[in-house]
């Protein structure tokens, strides 16, 4: 059955981030069988086209002022009010204000909507102190008003039920997906230093500063490559210089360049404070890399018994990297487990589960 589907994402590629890439992958695949539109923001100064209709889903970007990592885009309300009443509304959620816009417009028009919950963020900056009250009194209502909420893991589903009082029957667990192009055969490290890779936004939640501090404590010979960009890049580059580290900051990479970064690495590291379900870790797993990550929510659910989980401090990460660097058999075993686990998260599997949820909610 061909459906009309509206994906609503605060940011969308070329903006960098796991939520953005998940929304894009879902929209592109669903557009092969359905009529798909994306409503998103186009932050001032980025020079992005307001409308895209050439291939796959149509994309409508609204002008936005970004405040505390949240795009404020009043024009989104007009687009939401203009959506067909029988359309599926699929909100990708990790920022404030957008859930409330979707809830308000849906109530006005008697529409249902689905919330795809990617991450529960903590406050930062001058407005961060308002976040707990917002989540308790405002955001929780938009979650409970949704006809269905997608969680990435069982642990996240438990969190949504316990923290936001969402009925369990309305929560569906659907993992992130991996594109087939990321699947690569396992390979042995080449000569020279062990090539350590990080991919992601250079922002506080990812805590690349912790990874740099860890590399300074690693006894093995390693070379770190950091792929990504963000507000903290300048400070991280300065930290690497102060520590005298051999670090390559590559900026954002896409397409074949990103694939080559995974292909050229020996080990993947994720030093985050918290995650939803880290897409970059899934990609590294598919690429045949052993993954070492901090033992924090999100990483734990994905990597327990699969990758190597370390205490979320520089010493813990350094010890985990040294253990893998010193033991080729351990590296190979971890890489094999990671690749096998990644096979259960292909986009074909994920999209089928999403379409089943649509059929259930919009029967």
Foldseek 3Di string as FASTA:
>chain_A
DAAEAEEEEQDAPVPFDDLRVLSVVLQQVSQVRYAYEYEYADEPPPPDDQWDDDHGYIYGHAYFDADQNGTDGVCVLVVLLPDPQLYEYEYEDDDPPVLQSNLVSCVVSVHAYEYEYWDHDAADDPCRVCVVVCVQPPVLVSNQRHQAYEAQFPVVLVVCCVPSVRDSVRYHHFHGADEPLLAADADDADDDAAEEEEEGEPDDQQPVVQVLLLVLVAPGGYAYEYEEYYDCVVVVVVSNVVSVGRYHYDYHDDDPVVSVSLLNHAAYEGLGQETRAHPVLLSNLSNLHAYEYECHYNCVRLDPVQHHYFHNGSNRSSVSVNVCVVDVVVRNRNSVSSNVSSVVRHVVNRSVVVVVVCVVSSD
